[in-house]
C-alpha atoms as a PDB file:
ATOM      1  CA  MET A   1     112.186 111.370  94.079  1.00  0.00           C
ATOM      2  CA  LYS A   2     114.041 108.448  95.471  1.00  0.00           C
ATOM      3  CA  ILE A   3     113.004 105.023  94.274  1.00  0.00           C
ATOM      4  CA  THR A   4     111.724 103.373  97.474  1.00  0.00           C
ATOM      5  CA  ASP A   5     108.830 101.046  98.271  1.00  0.00           C
ATOM      6  CA  SER A   6     106.787 103.751  99.999  1.00  0.00           C
ATOM      7  CA  ASN A   7     107.263 106.253  97.157  1.00  0.00           C
ATOM      8  CA  VAL A   8     106.176 103.738  94.517  1.00  0.00           C
ATOM      9  CA  ILE A   9     103.118 102.832  96.621  1.00  0.00           C
ATOM     10  CA  ARG A  10     102.208 106.520  96.963  1.00  0.00           C
ATOM     11  CA  PHE A  11     102.592 106.880  93.208  1.00  0.00           C
ATOM     12  CA  HIS A  12     100.135 104.031  92.582  1.00  0.00           C
ATOM     13  CA  LEU A  13      97.635 105.421  95.078  1.00  0.00           C
ATOM     14  CA  GLN A  14      97.742 108.844  93.453  1.00  0.00           C
ATOM     15  CA  VAL A  15      97.536 107.641  89.855  1.00  0.00           C
ATOM     16  CA  LEU A  16      95.047 104.768  90.210  1.00  0.00           C
ATOM     17  CA  TYR A  17      92.747 105.983  92.974  1.00  0.00           C
ATOM     18  CA  GLY A  18      93.414 109.709  93.395  1.00  0.00           C
ATOM     19  CA  ILE A  19      94.574 109.265  97.012  1.00  0.00           C
ATOM     20  CA  SER A  20      97.561 111.363  98.059  1.00  0.00           C
ATOM     21  CA  VAL A  21      99.554 110.504 101.176  1.00  0.00           C
ATOM     22  CA  LYS A  22     102.322 112.683 102.571  1.00  0.00           C
ATOM     23  CA  ASN A  23     105.556 111.208 103.807  1.00  0.00           C
ATOM     24  CA  PHE A  24     105.178 110.726 107.560  1.00  0.00           C
ATOM     25  CA  GLU A  25     108.175 108.497 108.259  1.00  0.00           C
ATOM     26  CA  LYS A  26     110.141 109.641 111.283  1.00  0.00           C
ATOM     27  CA  LYS A  27     113.546 108.841 112.676  1.00  0.00           C
ATOM     28  CA  LYS A  28     113.844 105.488 114.334  1.00  0.00           C
ATOM     29  CA  GLY A  29     113.805 105.609 118.096  1.00  0.00           C
ATOM     30  CA  ARG A  30     116.326 103.878 120.223  1.00  0.00           C
ATOM     31  CA  LEU A  31     115.283 100.334 121.117  1.00  0.00           C
ATOM     32  CA  ILE A  32     115.213  99.900 124.900  1.00  0.00           C
ATOM     33  CA  CYS A  33     113.805  96.571 126.094  1.00  0.00           C
ATOM     34  CA  ASN A  34     113.646  97.057 129.850  1.00  0.00           C
ATOM     35  CA  GLY A  35     110.562  94.826 130.251  1.00  0.00           C
ATOM     36  CA  ALA A  36     109.105  97.021 133.000  1.00  0.00           C
ATOM     37  CA  LYS A  37     106.304  99.419 132.116  1.00  0.00           C
ATOM     38  CA  VAL A  38     103.718  98.226 129.587  1.00  0.00           C
ATOM     39  CA  PHE A  39     101.014 100.889 129.211  1.00  0.00           C
ATOM     40  CA  GLY A  40     101.681 104.338 127.740  1.00  0.00           C
ATOM     41  CA  VAL A  41     105.112 103.341 126.426  1.00  0.00           C
ATOM     42  CA  PRO A  42     106.271 103.676 122.771  1.00  0.00           C
ATOM     43  CA  LEU A  43     106.406 100.450 120.837  1.00  0.00           C
ATOM     44  CA  GLU A  44     110.172 100.612 120.372  1.00  0.00           C
ATOM     45  CA  ASN A  45     110.674 100.730 124.156  1.00  0.00           C
ATOM     46  CA  LEU A  46     108.532  97.683 124.894  1.00  0.00           C
ATOM     47  CA  ALA A  47     109.739  94.129 125.335  1.00  0.00           C
ATOM     48  CA  ARG A  48     108.885  92.312 122.127  1.00  0.00           C
ATOM     49  CA  LYS A  49     108.821  88.797 120.809  1.00  0.00           C
ATOM     50  CA  TYR A  50     109.649  87.704 117.318  1.00  0.00           C
ATOM     51  CA  ILE A  51     106.769  85.899 115.581  1.00  0.00           C
ATOM     52  CA  PRO A  52     107.892  84.466 112.210  1.00  0.00           C
ATOM     53  CA  GLU A  53     104.748  85.402 110.313  1.00  0.00           C
ATOM     54  CA  PHE A  54     104.447  88.925 111.748  1.00  0.00           C
ATOM     55  CA  GLY A  55     107.807  90.115 113.048  1.00  0.00           C
ATOM     56  CA  LEU A  56     108.463  91.817 116.394  1.00  0.00           C
ATOM     57  CA  VAL A  57     105.262  92.017 118.451  1.00  0.00           C
ATOM     58  CA  PRO A  58     104.956  93.411 122.008  1.00  0.00           C
ATOM     59  CA  SER A  59     105.230  90.611 124.534  1.00  0.00           C
ATOM     60  CA  PHE A  60     102.124  91.735 126.430  1.00  0.00           C
ATOM     61  CA  LEU A  61      99.995  91.567 123.269  1.00  0.00           C
ATOM     62  CA  VAL A  62     101.273  88.088 122.437  1.00  0.00           C
ATOM     63  CA  ASP A  63     100.602  86.792 125.960  1.00  0.00           C
ATOM     64  CA  ALA A  64      97.167  88.408 126.209  1.00  0.00           C
ATOM     65  CA  CYS A  65      95.976  87.144 122.802  1.00  0.00           C
ATOM     66  CA  SER A  66      97.295  83.651 123.496  1.00  0.00           C
ATOM     67  CA  PHE A  67      95.414  83.698 126.814  1.00  0.00           C
ATOM     68  CA  LEU A  68      92.143  84.711 125.113  1.00  0.00           C
ATOM     69  CA  LEU A  69      92.474  82.131 122.327  1.00  0.00           C
ATOM     70  CA  ASP A  70      91.867  79.431 124.930  1.00  0.00           C
ATOM     71  CA  ARG A  71      88.691  81.299 126.000  1.00  0.00           C
ATOM     72  CA  ILE A  72      87.565  82.406 122.554  1.00  0.00           C
ATOM     73  CA  CYS A  73      83.980  81.215 123.052  1.00  0.00           C
ATOM     74  CA  THR A  74      83.359  83.755 125.842  1.00  0.00           C
ATOM     75  CA  VAL A  75      80.156  85.618 124.975  1.00  0.00           C
ATOM     76  CA  GLY A  76      80.620  89.348 124.355  1.00  0.00           C
ATOM     77  CA  LEU A  77      84.423  89.207 124.343  1.00  0.00           C
ATOM     78  CA  PHE A  78      85.814  92.770 123.970  1.00  0.00           C
ATOM     79  CA  ARG A  79      82.266  94.142 124.222  1.00  0.00           C
ATOM     80  CA  LYS A  80      81.586  93.512 127.885  1.00  0.00           C
ATOM     81  CA  PRO A  81      83.874  95.520 130.188  1.00  0.00           C
ATOM     82  CA  GLY A  82      85.841  93.978 133.029  1.00  0.00           C
ATOM     83  CA  SER A  83      85.994  95.005 136.666  1.00  0.00           C
ATOM     84  CA  LEU A  84      87.719  98.379 137.159  1.00  0.00           C
ATOM     85  CA  HIS A  85      89.256  97.282 140.430  1.00  0.00           C
ATOM     86  CA  ARG A  86      90.709  94.049 139.009  1.00  0.00           C
ATOM     87  CA  ILE A  87      91.956  95.859 135.910  1.00  0.00           C
ATOM     88  CA  LYS A  88      93.756  98.431 138.063  1.00  0.00           C
ATOM     89  CA  VAL A  89      95.517  95.691 140.021  1.00  0.00           C
ATOM     90  CA  LEU A  90      96.500  93.865 136.829  1.00  0.00           C
ATOM     91  CA  ARG A  91      97.937  97.036 135.311  1.00  0.00           C
ATOM     92  CA  ALA A  92     100.084  97.667 138.366  1.00  0.00           C
ATOM     93  CA  LYS A  93     101.440  94.128 138.317  1.00  0.00           C
ATOM     94  CA  LEU A  94     102.158  94.207 134.593  1.00  0.00           C
ATOM     95  CA  ASN A  95     103.969  97.545 134.874  1.00  0.00           C
ATOM     96  CA  HIS A  96     106.218  95.971 137.496  1.00  0.00           C
ATOM     97  CA  GLY A  97     107.011  93.002 135.265  1.00  0.00           C
ATOM     98  CA  GLU A  98     104.853  90.449 137.084  1.00  0.00           C
ATOM     99  CA  ALA A  99     103.200  87.718 134.994  1.00  0.00           C
ATOM    100  CA  SER A 100      99.637  87.777 136.316  1.00  0.00           C
ATOM    101  CA  LEU A 101      97.480  86.949 133.267  1.00  0.00           C
ATOM    102  CA  SER A 102      97.122  83.270 134.018  1.00  0.00           C
ATOM    103  CA  THR A 103      94.701  83.929 136.907  1.00  0.00           C
ATOM    104  CA  ALA A 104      92.823  86.832 135.254  1.00  0.00           C
ATOM    105  CA  LEU A 105      89.330  86.786 133.764  1.00  0.00           C
ATOM    106  CA  PRO A 106      88.793  86.998 129.972  1.00  0.00           C
ATOM    107  CA  TYR A 107      86.852  90.280 130.160  1.00  0.00           C
ATOM    108  CA  ASP A 108      89.620  91.928 132.188  1.00  0.00           C
ATOM    109  CA  VAL A 109      92.342  90.827 129.734  1.00  0.00           C
ATOM    110  CA  ALA A 110      90.251  91.934 126.745  1.00  0.00           C
ATOM    111  CA  THR A 111      89.823  95.372 128.354  1.00  0.00           C
ATOM    112  CA  LEU A 112      93.568  95.578 129.001  1.00  0.00           C
ATOM    113  CA  ILE A 113      94.231  94.948 125.293  1.00  0.00           C
ATOM    114  CA  LYS A 114      91.978  97.856 124.326  1.00  0.00           C
ATOM    115  CA  GLN A 115      93.639 100.127 126.899  1.00  0.00           C
ATOM    116  CA  PHE A 116      97.076  99.108 125.660  1.00  0.00           C
ATOM    117  CA  CYS A 117      96.233 100.150 122.084  1.00  0.00           C
ATOM    118  CA  ARG A 118      94.457 103.343 123.129  1.00  0.00           C
ATOM    119  CA  GLU A 119      97.189 104.620 125.485  1.00  0.00           C
ATOM    120  CA  LEU A 120     100.122 104.329 123.085  1.00  0.00           C
ATOM    121  CA  PRO A 121     101.924 107.700 122.676  1.00  0.00           C
ATOM    122  CA  GLU A 122     101.581 107.334 118.901  1.00  0.00           C
ATOM    123  CA  PRO A 123      98.509 105.562 117.474  1.00  0.00           C
ATOM    124  CA  LEU A 124      99.026 102.297 115.658  1.00  0.00           C
ATOM    125  CA  PHE A 125      97.488 103.911 112.569  1.00  0.00           C
ATOM    126  CA  PRO A 126      99.361 107.232 112.096  1.00  0.00           C
ATOM    127  CA  SER A 127      97.033 110.223 111.952  1.00  0.00           C
ATOM    128  CA  GLU A 128      98.422 111.097 108.492  1.00  0.00           C
ATOM    129  CA  LEU A 129      96.799 107.925 107.135  1.00  0.00           C
ATOM    130  CA  HIS A 130      93.294 108.432 108.516  1.00  0.00           C
ATOM    131  CA  VAL A 131      91.991 110.663 105.716  1.00  0.00           C
ATOM    132  CA  ALA A 132      93.488 108.391 103.051  1.00  0.00           C
ATOM    133  CA  LEU A 133      91.920 105.316 104.651  1.00  0.00           C
ATOM    134  CA  LEU A 134      88.498 106.950 104.644  1.00  0.00           C
ATOM    135  CA  LYS A 135      88.906 107.985 100.993  1.00  0.00           C
ATOM    136  CA  ALA A 136      89.832 104.440 100.070  1.00  0.00           C
ATOM    137  CA  GLN A 137      86.808 103.074 101.926  1.00  0.00           C
ATOM    138  CA  ALA A 138      84.568 105.536 100.085  1.00  0.00           C
ATOM    139  CA  LEU A 139      85.529 104.166  96.648  1.00  0.00           C
ATOM    140  CA  SER A 140      82.512 102.720  94.846  1.00  0.00           C
ATOM    141  CA  ASN A 141      84.219  99.699  93.307  1.00  0.00           C
ATOM    142  CA  LEU A 142      84.831  96.874  95.796  1.00  0.00           C
ATOM    143  CA  GLN A 143      88.012  95.676  94.094  1.00  0.00           C
ATOM    144  CA  ASP A 144      89.483  99.186  94.004  1.00  0.00           C
ATOM    145  CA  ARG A 145      88.494  99.704  97.624  1.00  0.00           C
ATOM    146  CA  MET A 146      90.296  96.623  98.866  1.00  0.00           C
ATOM    147  CA  ALA A 147      93.343  97.274  96.679  1.00  0.00           C
ATOM    148  CA  ALA A 148      93.663 100.845  97.977  1.00  0.00           C
ATOM    149  CA  LEU A 149      93.308  99.710 101.608  1.00  0.00           C
ATOM    150  CA  GLN A 150      95.941  97.040 101.023  1.00  0.00           C
ATOM    151  CA  LEU A 151      98.369  99.597  99.609  1.00  0.00           C
ATOM    152  CA  LEU A 152      97.731 101.969 102.515  1.00  0.00           C
ATOM    153  CA  SER A 153      98.447  99.199 105.014  1.00  0.00           C
ATOM    154  CA  CYS A 154     101.884  98.828 103.411  1.00  0.00           C
ATOM    155  CA  LEU A 155     102.762 102.406 104.377  1.00  0.00           C
ATOM    156  CA  LEU A 156     102.722 101.751 108.129  1.00  0.00           C
ATOM    157  CA  PRO A 157     106.076 101.755 109.917  1.00  0.00           C
ATOM    158  CA  ALA A 158     107.473  98.276 110.524  1.00  0.00           C
ATOM    159  CA  LYS A 159     106.915  98.295 114.290  1.00  0.00           C
ATOM    160  CA  ASN A 160     103.288  99.409 113.844  1.00  0.00           C
ATOM    161  CA  SER A 161     102.614  97.011 111.005  1.00  0.00           C
ATOM    162  CA  SER A 162     103.788  93.951 112.964  1.00  0.00           C
ATOM    163  CA  CYS A 163     101.626  94.823 115.947  1.00  0.00           C
ATOM    164  CA  VAL A 164      98.478  95.680 113.973  1.00  0.00           C
ATOM    165  CA  HIS A 165      98.825  92.665 111.698  1.00  0.00           C
ATOM    166  CA  TYR A 166      99.075  90.343 114.684  1.00  0.00           C
ATOM    167  CA  LEU A 167      96.047  91.995 116.317  1.00  0.00           C
ATOM    168  CA  PHE A 168      93.883  91.731 113.177  1.00  0.00           C
ATOM    169  CA  ASP A 169      94.829  88.097 112.727  1.00  0.00           C
ATOM    170  CA  PHE A 170      93.724  87.414 116.301  1.00  0.00           C
ATOM    171  CA  LEU A 171      90.453  89.342 115.849  1.00  0.00           C
ATOM    172  CA  HIS A 172      89.786  87.385 112.669  1.00  0.00           C
ATOM    173  CA  LYS A 173      90.001  84.152 114.675  1.00  0.00           C
ATOM    174  CA  VAL A 174      87.593  85.636 117.239  1.00  0.00           C
ATOM    175  CA  SER A 175      85.103  86.601 114.520  1.00  0.00           C
ATOM    176  CA  GLN A 176      85.197  83.079 113.092  1.00  0.00           C
ATOM    177  CA  ARG A 177      83.666  81.881 116.375  1.00  0.00           C
ATOM    178  CA  CYS A 178      80.914  84.498 116.303  1.00  0.00           C
ATOM    179  CA  SER A 179      78.276  81.781 116.590  1.00  0.00           C
ATOM    180  CA  ASP A 180      79.613  81.141 120.120  1.00  0.00           C
ATOM    181  CA  ASN A 181      80.839  84.533 121.308  1.00  0.00           C
ATOM    182  CA  LEU A 182      78.399  86.695 119.279  1.00  0.00           C
ATOM    183  CA  MET A 183      81.263  88.949 118.157  1.00  0.00           C
ATOM    184  CA  THR A 184      81.133  89.451 114.394  1.00  0.00           C
ATOM    185  CA  SER A 185      83.724  91.383 112.440  1.00  0.00           C
ATOM    186  CA  THR A 186      81.454  94.452 112.500  1.00  0.00           C
ATOM    187  CA  ASN A 187      81.060  94.246 116.283  1.00  0.00           C
ATOM    188  CA  LEU A 188      84.806  93.912 116.784  1.00  0.00           C
ATOM    189  CA  ALA A 189      85.515  96.823 114.407  1.00  0.00           C
ATOM    190  CA  THR A 190      83.030  99.020 116.271  1.00  0.00           C
ATOM    191  CA  VAL A 191      84.689  98.228 119.600  1.00  0.00           C
ATOM    192  CA  PHE A 192      88.223  98.949 118.320  1.00  0.00           C
ATOM    193  CA  VAL A 193      87.534 102.218 116.456  1.00  0.00           C
ATOM    194  CA  PRO A 194      88.359 104.397 119.529  1.00  0.00           C
ATOM    195  CA  CYS A 195      91.587 102.402 119.993  1.00  0.00           C
ATOM    196  CA  LEU A 196      92.885 102.251 116.408  1.00  0.00           C
ATOM    197  CA  LEU A 197      91.128 105.020 114.435  1.00  0.00           C
ATOM    198  CA  PRO A 198      89.986 107.613 117.002  1.00  0.00           C
ATOM    199  CA  PRO A 199      88.171 110.642 115.524  1.00  0.00           C
ATOM    200  CA  PRO A 200      90.353 113.751 115.919  1.00  0.00           C
ATOM    201  CA  ASN A 201      87.464 116.226 116.307  1.00  0.00           C
ATOM    202  CA  LYS A 202      83.682 116.495 116.565  1.00  0.00           C
ATOM    203  CA  THR A 203      83.298 116.769 112.792  1.00  0.00           C
ATOM    204  CA  GLU A 204      84.789 113.314 112.351  1.00  0.00           C
ATOM    205  CA  MET A 205      82.398 111.942 114.967  1.00  0.00           C
ATOM    206  CA  SER A 206      79.405 112.262 112.678  1.00  0.00           C
ATOM    207  CA  GLU A 207      77.495 109.086 111.912  1.00  0.00           C
ATOM    208  CA  GLY A 208      78.728 108.836 108.316  1.00  0.00           C
ATOM    209  CA  ARG A 209      82.389 109.334 109.202  1.00  0.00           C
ATOM    210  CA  LEU A 210      82.225 106.887 112.086  1.00  0.00           C
ATOM    211  CA  GLU A 211      80.657 104.305 109.820  1.00  0.00           C
ATOM    212  CA  LEU A 212      83.546 104.658 107.363  1.00  0.00           C
ATOM    213  CA  ARG A 213      86.014 104.052 110.192  1.00  0.00           C
ATOM    214  CA  VAL A 214      84.152 100.941 111.255  1.00  0.00           C
ATOM    215  CA  LEU A 215      84.106  99.632 107.682  1.00  0.00           C
ATOM    216  CA  VAL A 216      87.876 100.173 107.327  1.00  0.00           C
ATOM    217  CA  LEU A 217      88.594  98.069 110.411  1.00  0.00           C
ATOM    218  CA  ARG A 218      86.033  95.461 109.425  1.00  0.00           C
ATOM    219  CA  ASN A 219      87.761  94.921 106.063  1.00  0.00           C
ATOM    220  CA  PHE A 220      91.099  94.444 107.811  1.00  0.00           C
ATOM    221  CA  VAL A 221      89.559  92.015 110.329  1.00  0.00           C
ATOM    222  CA  GLU A 222      87.971  89.974 107.558  1.00  0.00           C
ATOM    223  CA  CYS A 223      91.109  89.952 105.355  1.00  0.00           C
ATOM    224  CA  PRO A 224      94.161  89.998 107.640  1.00  0.00           C
ATOM    225  CA  HIS A 225      96.163  88.036 105.069  1.00  0.00           C
ATOM    226  CA  LEU A 226      96.217  91.132 102.826  1.00  0.00           C
ATOM    227  CA  PHE A 227      97.457  93.503 105.515  1.00  0.00           C
ATOM    228  CA  GLY A 228     100.925  94.848 104.758  1.00  0.00           C
ATOM    229  CA  VAL A 229     101.326  92.691 101.636  1.00  0.00           C
ATOM    230  CA  ILE A 230     102.541  94.555  98.558  1.00  0.00           C
ATOM    231  CA  PRO A 231     100.650  93.395  95.422  1.00  0.00           C
ATOM    232  CA  LYS A 232     102.620  91.696  92.663  1.00  0.00           C
ATOM    233  CA  ALA A 233     101.790  94.440  90.149  1.00  0.00           C
ATOM    234  CA  VAL A 234     103.353  97.031  92.446  1.00  0.00           C
ATOM    235  CA  LEU A 235     106.407  94.844  92.996  1.00  0.00           C
ATOM    236  CA  ASP A 236     106.870  94.538  89.227  1.00  0.00           C
ATOM    237  CA  SER A 237     106.589  98.303  88.836  1.00  0.00           C
ATOM    238  CA  MET A 238     109.160  98.774  91.605  1.00  0.00           C
ATOM    239  CA  GLU A 239     111.596  96.566  89.685  1.00  0.00           C
ATOM    240  CA  TYR A 240     110.839  98.577  86.541  1.00  0.00           C
ATOM    241  CA  PHE A 241     111.445 101.908  88.281  1.00  0.00           C
ATOM    242  CA  MET A 242     114.659 100.609  89.832  1.00  0.00           C
ATOM    243  CA  ASN A 243     115.936  99.482  86.423  1.00  0.00           C
ATOM    244  CA  ILE A 244     115.007 102.818  84.852  1.00  0.00           C
ATOM    245  CA  HIS A 245     116.744 104.653  87.683  1.00  0.00           C
ATOM    246  CA  HIS A 246     119.849 102.486  87.248  1.00  0.00           C
ATOM    247  CA  LEU A 247     119.916 102.999  83.478  1.00  0.00           C
ATOM    248  CA  ARG A 248     119.509 106.737  83.931  1.00  0.00           C
ATOM    249  CA  ASP A 249     122.517 106.808  86.243  1.00  0.00           C
ATOM    250  CA  VAL A 250     124.540 104.713  83.787  1.00  0.00           C
ATOM    251  CA  PHE A 251     123.691 106.963  80.840  1.00  0.00           C
ATOM    252  CA  LYS A 252     124.374 110.027  82.957  1.00  0.00           C
ATOM    253  CA  LYS A 253     127.861 108.749  83.780  1.00  0.00           C
ATOM    254  CA  LYS A 254     128.502 107.878  80.142  1.00  0.00           C
ATOM    255  CA  GLY A 255     127.317 111.328  79.097  1.00  0.00           C
ATOM    256  CA  ASN A 256     129.697 112.965  81.544  1.00  0.00           C
ATOM    257  CA  GLN A 257     132.589 110.891  80.208  1.00  0.00           C
ATOM    258  CA  LYS A 258     131.667 111.770  76.643  1.00  0.00           C
ATOM    259  CA  ARG A 259     131.489 115.486  77.383  1.00  0.00           C
ATOM    260  CA  HIS A 260     134.810 115.258  79.172  1.00  0.00           C
ATOM    261  CA  SER A 261     136.466 113.572  76.188  1.00  0.00           C
ATOM    262  CA  LEU A 262     135.052 116.221  73.848  1.00  0.00           C
ATOM    263  CA  LYS A 263     136.519 118.951  75.999  1.00  0.00           C
ATOM    264  CA  VAL A 264     139.927 117.281  75.874  1.00  0.00           C
ATOM    265  CA  LYS A 265     139.825 117.028  72.096  1.00  0.00           C
ATOM    266  CA  ARG A 266     138.718 120.617  71.772  1.00  0.00           C
ATOM    267  CA  TYR A 267     141.539 121.708  74.045  1.00  0.00           C
ATOM    268  CA  VAL A 268     144.171 119.854  71.988  1.00  0.00           C
ATOM    269  CA  LYS A 269     142.850 121.412  68.806  1.00  0.00           C
ATOM    270  CA  THR A 270     142.921 124.887  70.305  1.00  0.00           C
ATOM    271  CA  VAL A 271     146.527 124.496  71.485  1.00  0.00           C
ATOM    272  CA  SER A 272     147.710 123.486  68.014  1.00  0.00           C
ATOM    273  CA  TRP A 273     145.903 126.473  66.479  1.00  0.00           C
ATOM    274  CA  VAL A 274     147.381 128.909  68.981  1.00  0.00           C
ATOM    275  CA  GLN A 275     150.875 127.639  68.404  1.00  0.00           C
ATOM    276  CA  GLY A 276     150.390 128.209  64.687  1.00  0.00           C
ATOM    277  CA  LYS A 277     152.078 125.055  63.493  1.00  0.00           C
ATOM    278  CA  PRO A 278     151.943 125.072  59.665  1.00  0.00           C
ATOM    279  CA  LYS A 279     150.412 122.132  57.951  1.00  0.00           C
ATOM    280  CA  ALA A 280     152.989 120.249  55.893  1.00  0.00           C
ATOM    281  CA  SER A 281     151.972 120.290  52.240  1.00  0.00           C
ATOM    282  CA  PRO A 282     153.023 117.547  49.836  1.00  0.00           C
ATOM    283  CA  ALA A 283     154.989 120.074  47.785  1.00  0.00           C
ATOM    284  CA  ALA A 284     157.001 121.329  50.735  1.00  0.00           C
ATOM    285  CA  SER A 285     157.942 117.804  51.813  1.00  0.00           C
ATOM    286  CA  LEU A 286     159.582 116.954  48.492  1.00  0.00           C
ATOM    287  CA  PRO A 287     163.240 117.988  48.010  1.00  0.00           C
ATOM    288  CA  THR A 288     164.279 120.611  45.440  1.00  0.00           C
ATOM    289  CA  GLN A 289     167.351 120.790  43.249  1.00  0.00           C
ATOM    290  CA  SER A 290     168.908 123.471  45.418  1.00  0.00           C
ATOM    291  CA  SER A 291     168.299 121.584  48.647  1.00  0.00           C
ATOM    292  CA  MET A 292     169.564 118.322  47.164  1.00  0.00           C
ATOM    293  CA  SER A 293     172.778 119.869  45.980  1.00  0.00           C
ATOM    294  CA  GLY A 294     173.410 121.526  49.304  1.00  0.00           C
ATOM    295  CA  ASP A 295     174.509 124.824  47.607  1.00  0.00           C
ATOM    296  CA  GLY A 296     171.329 126.811  48.039  1.00  0.00           C
ATOM    297  CA  PRO A 297     169.338 127.637  51.119  1.00  0.00           C
ATOM    298  CA  LYS A 298     166.504 125.473  52.378  1.00  0.00           C
ATOM    299  CA  LEU A 299     163.034 125.864  50.936  1.00  0.00           C
ATOM    300  CA  LYS A 300     161.106 128.751  52.462  1.00  0.00           C
ATOM    301  CA  ARG A 301     157.791 130.464  51.840  1.00  0.00           C
ATOM    302  CA  SER A 302     159.196 132.955  49.243  1.00  0.00           C
ATOM    303  CA  LEU A 303     158.730 133.904  45.611  1.00  0.00           C
ATOM    304  CA  GLY A 304     162.446 134.418  44.940  1.00  0.00           C
ATOM    305  CA  LEU A 305     163.927 132.956  41.761  1.00  0.00           C
ATOM    306  CA  ARG A 306     166.463 130.841  43.635  1.00  0.00           C
ATOM    307  CA  THR A 307     163.758 128.994  45.578  1.00  0.00           C
ATOM    308  CA  PHE A 308     161.154 128.766  42.813  1.00  0.00           C
ATOM    309  CA  PRO A 309     160.348 125.032  42.363  1.00  0.00           C
ATOM    310  CA  ASN A 310     161.272 123.242  39.168  1.00  0.00           C
ATOM    311  CA  ILE A 311     158.196 122.288  37.237  1.00  0.00           C
ATOM    312  CA  GLN A 312     159.743 118.989  36.092  1.00  0.00           C
ATOM    313  CA  LEU A 313     160.044 117.780  39.714  1.00  0.00           C
ATOM    314  CA  PHE A 314     156.591 118.820  40.884  1.00  0.00           C
ATOM    315  CA  ARG A 315     154.467 118.005  37.854  1.00  0.00           C
ATOM    316  CA  SER A 316     153.202 114.438  38.099  1.00  0.00           C
ATOM    317  CA  CYS A 317     151.400 114.322  34.766  1.00  0.00           C
ATOM    318  CA  MET A 318     151.113 116.307  31.548  1.00  0.00           C
ATOM    319  CA  PRO A 319     148.294 116.712  29.036  1.00  0.00           C
ATOM    320  CA  ASN A 320     148.195 114.586  25.905  1.00  0.00           C
ATOM    321  CA  ALA A 321     145.694 115.056  23.146  1.00  0.00           C
ATOM    322  CA  GLU A 322     145.398 111.334  22.491  1.00  0.00           C
ATOM    323  CA  GLN A 323     145.517 109.826  26.014  1.00  0.00           C
ATOM    324  CA  GLY A 324     144.151 112.517  28.294  1.00  0.00           C
ATOM    325  CA  PHE A 325     146.831 112.396  31.055  1.00  0.00           C
ATOM    326  CA  ILE A 326     150.137 110.466  30.981  1.00  0.00           C
ATOM    327  CA  PRO A 327     153.006 110.272  33.525  1.00  0.00           C
ATOM    328  CA  ALA A 328     155.562 113.068  33.457  1.00  0.00           C
ATOM    329  CA  ALA A 329     158.508 110.816  32.456  1.00  0.00           C
ATOM    330  CA  ASP A 330     156.635 109.505  29.397  1.00  0.00           C
ATOM    331  CA  ALA A 331     155.467 112.997  28.588  1.00  0.00           C
ATOM    332  CA  LEU A 332     159.065 114.261  28.388  1.00  0.00           C
ATOM    333  CA  GLU A 333     159.987 111.584  25.866  1.00  0.00           C
ATOM    334  CA  TYR A 334     156.841 112.411  23.890  1.00  0.00           C
ATOM    335  CA  PHE A 335     157.618 116.088  23.640  1.00  0.00           C
ATOM    336  CA  ASN A 336     161.403 115.635  23.009  1.00  0.00           C
ATOM    337  CA  THR A 337     160.767 113.975  19.649  1.00  0.00           C
ATOM    338  CA  PRO A 338     161.975 115.854  16.518  1.00  0.00           C
ATOM    339  CA  ASP A 339     158.411 116.817  15.573  1.00  0.00           C
ATOM    340  CA  LYS A 340     157.610 118.307  18.969  1.00  0.00           C
ATOM    341  CA  THR A 341     159.051 121.287  20.814  1.00  0.00           C
ATOM    342  CA  SER A 342     161.040 120.648  23.994  1.00  0.00           C
ATOM    343  CA  VAL A 343     159.555 121.203  27.346  1.00  0.00           C
ATOM    344  CA  LEU A 344     160.623 124.477  28.973  1.00  0.00           C
ATOM    345  CA  THR A 345     161.165 124.664  32.640  1.00  0.00           C
ATOM    346  CA  ALA A 346     159.775 127.499  34.708  1.00  0.00           C
ATOM    347  CA  MET A 347     163.278 128.955  35.100  1.00  0.00           C
ATOM    348  CA  GLU A 348     163.824 128.987  31.311  1.00  0.00           C
ATOM    349  CA  ARG A 349     160.472 130.600  30.716  1.00  0.00           C
ATOM    350  CA  LEU A 350     161.322 133.354  33.158  1.00  0.00           C
ATOM    351  CA  GLN A 351     164.732 133.929  31.526  1.00  0.00           C
ATOM    352  CA  LEU A 352     163.328 134.083  27.965  1.00  0.00           C
ATOM    353  CA  LYS A 353     160.499 136.383  28.848  1.00  0.00           C
ATOM    354  CA  ASN A 354     161.064 140.040  27.847  1.00  0.00           C
ATOM    355  CA  TRP A 355     160.924 142.094  31.023  1.00  0.00           C
ATOM    356  CA  ARG A 356     160.439 145.841  31.104  1.00  0.00           C
ATOM    357  CA  ARG A 357     160.236 148.222  33.978  1.00  0.00           C
ATOM    358  CA  ARG A 358     156.780 149.487  34.784  1.00  0.00           C
ATOM    359  CA  SER A 359     156.569 153.223  34.247  1.00  0.00           C
ATOM    360  CA  SER A 360     155.425 155.156  37.270  1.00  0.00           C
ATOM    361  CA  PRO A 361     152.155 157.057  36.775  1.00  0.00           C
END
């Protein structure tokens, strides 16, 4: 697998918490900021504003949340519905690019925010993450539960993550004023479940499954500072995996170079063997009497008498009973004394030897 942030996060989720998540990343859509239609439009086609702490956030969401922050003490915010007629008029104006939020009522704007999230072509939380989020929420240990949810929040696409992070940060500020508006984090999570984590079928609409969905959103509302933040331990492991991957590539290249050099050496050795070049022996490199005189032919691989080497030229040492081995020059003087017999050359030995023809059987 490729060493990327999402793959390392999936690895940690699988190993530490037994939660498997398939790769759901899709091709990036073309960014078209026409600033016209607002509802039912993909995030990448909406006009967006850059918020330093969050990134690119849809302009409508930024304007609507900023409008409600000044009216945060409104009782039942997001729980009480607005007027259908006024909401319809506001939608039409917003889709035509008219700024009409300044004169709207808080309940109408809060309802528009829920409709905006619910009518997106692709949900802010991809459907491939829903099962994993519920598994993480079902973990018994609180620390493991929050760590798994934090890792899962890091798997959202960038455009989704910026929008959801900004929304949870705003809802956290609303829940902090629950003594005035009566909207706790649980109440806000219950209201936003159909918008952010809608059940796909009737089975998921059971009381236990719906409660898990509410608890997932409540944890994100209460801890928005953890949303989309990769833990330090995972970052360290990413650096480790990247170094291992780099070293593996380096050793792989070195191995290829080494194998290539071995092939070259083997090829050179094979060529020399095929050509049959004889190895020069020390004896063959030394000159003979015949070759030095220039009368006889050059030394060849033959057993003829004319090319038989002289033993006095090739012998480097001779045996001596008293000294073991002595140089050949000293040995000649030793054996040429009156008490010793002279040294016979190989040629003389062959001439003195009595030869007789071998009788045929």
